[in-house]
Amino acid sequence: MGGISNRMKEIKRRRHRRQKLAKFETKLKKATASEKLVIAEKLRRMTPGCDGLIERMGLEDRKR
């Protein structure tokens, strides 16, 4: 039996999400406008708090 607890799963998800956000932030420095739209779309799929992140990173929400 055993396995990982739900709390540990959530912590693991959060850590991985934080690592991905750091990678996106470094990529944004060199990104073109179309690449920024792709990154914004990936953020929307990745996390529920995407609106605040998109604003903070300077990605404009042009689709809506």
N, C-alpha and C. Protein backbone atom coordinates (compact mmCIF):
# COMPACT_ATOMS: atom_id res chain seq x y z
N MET A 1 0.85 -1.18 0.00
CA MET A 1 0.00 0.00 0.00
C MET A 1 0.89 1.25 0.00
N GLY A 2 0.70 2.14 0.94
CA GLY A 2 1.56 3.32 1.03
C GLY A 2 1.26 4.33 -0.05
N GLY A 3 2.30 4.83 -0.64
CA GLY A 3 2.15 5.87 -1.65
C GLY A 3 2.38 7.23 -1.01
N ILE A 4 2.30 8.24 -1.81
CA ILE A 4 2.56 9.59 -1.33
C ILE A 4 1.25 10.24 -0.88
N SER A 5 1.31 10.99 0.20
CA SER A 5 0.10 11.61 0.72
C SER A 5 -0.33 12.77 -0.20
N ASN A 6 -1.58 13.14 -0.07
CA ASN A 6 -2.11 14.24 -0.89
C ASN A 6 -1.35 15.53 -0.62
N ARG A 7 -0.99 15.76 0.64
CA ARG A 7 -0.25 16.98 0.99
C ARG A 7 1.10 17.00 0.27
N MET A 8 1.79 15.88 0.24
CA MET A 8 3.09 15.83 -0.42
C MET A 8 2.95 15.98 -1.93
N LYS A 9 1.87 15.44 -2.49
CA LYS A 9 1.63 15.62 -3.93
C LYS A 9 1.46 17.09 -4.26
N GLU A 10 0.69 17.80 -3.43
CA GLU A 10 0.46 19.22 -3.67
C GLU A 10 1.75 20.02 -3.53
N ILE A 11 2.56 19.69 -2.54
CA ILE A 11 3.84 20.38 -2.37
C ILE A 11 4.73 20.14 -3.58
N LYS A 12 4.74 18.93 -4.07
CA LYS A 12 5.55 18.60 -5.25
C LYS A 12 5.06 19.38 -6.47
N ARG A 13 3.73 19.45 -6.64
CA ARG A 13 3.16 20.22 -7.76
C ARG A 13 3.55 21.68 -7.66
N ARG A 14 3.48 22.25 -6.44
CA ARG A 14 3.81 23.65 -6.25
C ARG A 14 5.27 23.93 -6.57
N ARG A 15 6.16 23.05 -6.11
CA ARG A 15 7.58 23.24 -6.37
C ARG A 15 7.87 23.17 -7.87
N HIS A 16 7.27 22.23 -8.54
CA HIS A 16 7.48 22.08 -9.98
C HIS A 16 6.93 23.30 -10.72
N ARG A 17 5.76 23.79 -10.29
CA ARG A 17 5.17 24.98 -10.89
C ARG A 17 6.09 26.18 -10.72
N ARG A 18 6.68 26.32 -9.53
CA ARG A 18 7.59 27.43 -9.26
C ARG A 18 8.82 27.36 -10.15
N GLN A 19 9.33 26.14 -10.38
CA GLN A 19 10.49 25.97 -11.26
C GLN A 19 10.13 26.36 -12.70
N LYS A 20 8.95 25.96 -13.15
CA LYS A 20 8.53 26.30 -14.51
C LYS A 20 8.35 27.81 -14.66
N LEU A 21 7.81 28.46 -13.63
CA LEU A 21 7.64 29.91 -13.69
C LEU A 21 8.99 30.60 -13.80
N ALA A 22 9.98 30.10 -13.09
CA ALA A 22 11.31 30.70 -13.16
C ALA A 22 11.88 30.56 -14.57
N LYS A 23 11.65 29.41 -15.20
CA LYS A 23 12.12 29.21 -16.58
C LYS A 23 11.42 30.16 -17.54
N PHE A 24 10.10 30.33 -17.35
CA PHE A 24 9.36 31.24 -18.22
C PHE A 24 9.86 32.67 -18.06
N GLU A 25 10.17 33.08 -16.83
CA GLU A 25 10.64 34.44 -16.60
C GLU A 25 11.97 34.69 -17.30
N THR A 26 12.85 33.70 -17.32
CA THR A 26 14.13 33.90 -18.02
C THR A 26 13.91 33.93 -19.53
N LYS A 27 12.99 33.12 -20.03
CA LYS A 27 12.71 33.10 -21.47
C LYS A 27 12.05 34.40 -21.94
N LEU A 28 11.29 35.04 -21.05
CA LEU A 28 10.58 36.26 -21.43
C LEU A 28 11.52 37.40 -21.78
N LYS A 29 12.71 37.39 -21.22
CA LYS A 29 13.65 38.48 -21.47
C LYS A 29 14.02 38.58 -22.95
N LYS A 30 14.07 37.44 -23.64
CA LYS A 30 14.45 37.42 -25.06
C LYS A 30 13.28 37.13 -25.99
N ALA A 31 12.09 36.97 -25.45
CA ALA A 31 10.95 36.51 -26.24
C ALA A 31 10.40 37.59 -27.17
N THR A 32 9.94 37.12 -28.32
CA THR A 32 9.24 38.01 -29.25
C THR A 32 7.78 38.09 -28.82
N ALA A 33 7.01 38.91 -29.51
CA ALA A 33 5.60 39.10 -29.16
C ALA A 33 4.82 37.79 -29.28
N SER A 34 5.08 37.02 -30.34
CA SER A 34 4.33 35.77 -30.51
C SER A 34 4.74 34.74 -29.45
N GLU A 35 6.01 34.75 -29.08
CA GLU A 35 6.46 33.82 -28.03
C GLU A 35 5.83 34.18 -26.68
N LYS A 36 5.64 35.48 -26.46
CA LYS A 36 5.01 35.91 -25.21
C LYS A 36 3.56 35.43 -25.14
N LEU A 37 2.87 35.42 -26.27
CA LEU A 37 1.50 34.91 -26.29
C LEU A 37 1.46 33.42 -25.97
N VAL A 38 2.45 32.69 -26.50
CA VAL A 38 2.52 31.25 -26.23
C VAL A 38 2.77 31.01 -24.74
N ILE A 39 3.67 31.78 -24.16
CA ILE A 39 3.98 31.62 -22.74
C ILE A 39 2.74 31.97 -21.90
N ALA A 40 2.02 33.01 -22.28
CA ALA A 40 0.81 33.39 -21.55
C ALA A 40 -0.23 32.27 -21.61
N GLU A 41 -0.37 31.64 -22.75
CA GLU A 41 -1.32 30.53 -22.89
C GLU A 41 -0.91 29.34 -22.02
N LYS A 42 0.38 29.06 -21.98
CA LYS A 42 0.87 27.96 -21.13
C LYS A 42 0.62 28.26 -19.65
N LEU A 43 0.80 29.52 -19.27
CA LEU A 43 0.53 29.91 -17.88
C LEU A 43 -0.94 29.71 -17.54
N ARG A 44 -1.82 30.03 -18.48
CA ARG A 44 -3.26 29.86 -18.23
C ARG A 44 -3.60 28.39 -17.98
N ARG A 45 -2.96 27.50 -18.71
CA ARG A 45 -3.23 26.07 -18.53
C ARG A 45 -2.57 25.53 -17.26
N MET A 46 -1.47 26.15 -16.86
CA MET A 46 -0.66 25.60 -15.78
C MET A 46 -1.20 25.91 -14.39
N THR A 47 -1.72 27.11 -14.17
CA THR A 47 -2.05 27.51 -12.82
C THR A 47 -3.37 28.29 -12.75
N PRO A 48 -4.11 28.14 -11.67
CA PRO A 48 -5.37 28.86 -11.53
C PRO A 48 -5.16 30.37 -11.28
N GLY A 49 -4.03 30.78 -10.72
CA GLY A 49 -3.77 32.19 -10.44
C GLY A 49 -3.06 32.89 -11.58
N CYS A 50 -3.40 32.51 -12.80
CA CYS A 50 -2.65 32.99 -13.97
C CYS A 50 -2.83 34.48 -14.24
N ASP A 51 -3.98 35.06 -13.89
CA ASP A 51 -4.22 36.46 -14.22
C ASP A 51 -3.21 37.38 -13.54
N GLY A 52 -2.97 37.16 -12.27
CA GLY A 52 -1.98 37.96 -11.55
C GLY A 52 -0.58 37.77 -12.09
N LEU A 53 -0.26 36.53 -12.44
CA LEU A 53 1.07 36.24 -12.98
C LEU A 53 1.28 36.91 -14.33
N ILE A 54 0.27 36.86 -15.17
CA ILE A 54 0.37 37.46 -16.50
C ILE A 54 0.58 38.96 -16.38
N GLU A 55 -0.14 39.60 -15.46
CA GLU A 55 0.05 41.03 -15.24
C GLU A 55 1.45 41.33 -14.73
N ARG A 56 1.90 40.55 -13.74
CA ARG A 56 3.20 40.79 -13.12
C ARG A 56 4.33 40.61 -14.10
N MET A 57 4.20 39.64 -15.00
CA MET A 57 5.25 39.37 -15.98
C MET A 57 5.20 40.31 -17.18
N GLY A 58 4.18 41.14 -17.25
CA GLY A 58 4.09 42.09 -18.35
C GLY A 58 3.53 41.50 -19.63
N LEU A 59 2.85 40.38 -19.52
CA LEU A 59 2.21 39.76 -20.69
C LEU A 59 0.82 40.32 -20.80
N GLU A 60 0.49 40.84 -21.95
CA GLU A 60 -0.83 41.42 -22.11
C GLU A 60 -1.82 40.38 -22.56
N ASP A 61 -3.01 40.51 -22.10
CA ASP A 61 -4.07 39.55 -22.40
C ASP A 61 -4.80 40.03 -23.65
N ARG A 62 -4.25 39.71 -24.82
CA ARG A 62 -4.81 40.22 -26.07
C ARG A 62 -5.95 39.37 -26.62
N LYS A 63 -6.07 38.15 -26.14
CA LYS A 63 -7.09 37.25 -26.68
C LYS A 63 -8.49 37.60 -26.20
N ARG A 64 -8.62 38.10 -24.97
CA ARG A 64 -9.95 38.32 -24.41
C ARG A 64 -10.45 39.70 -24.64
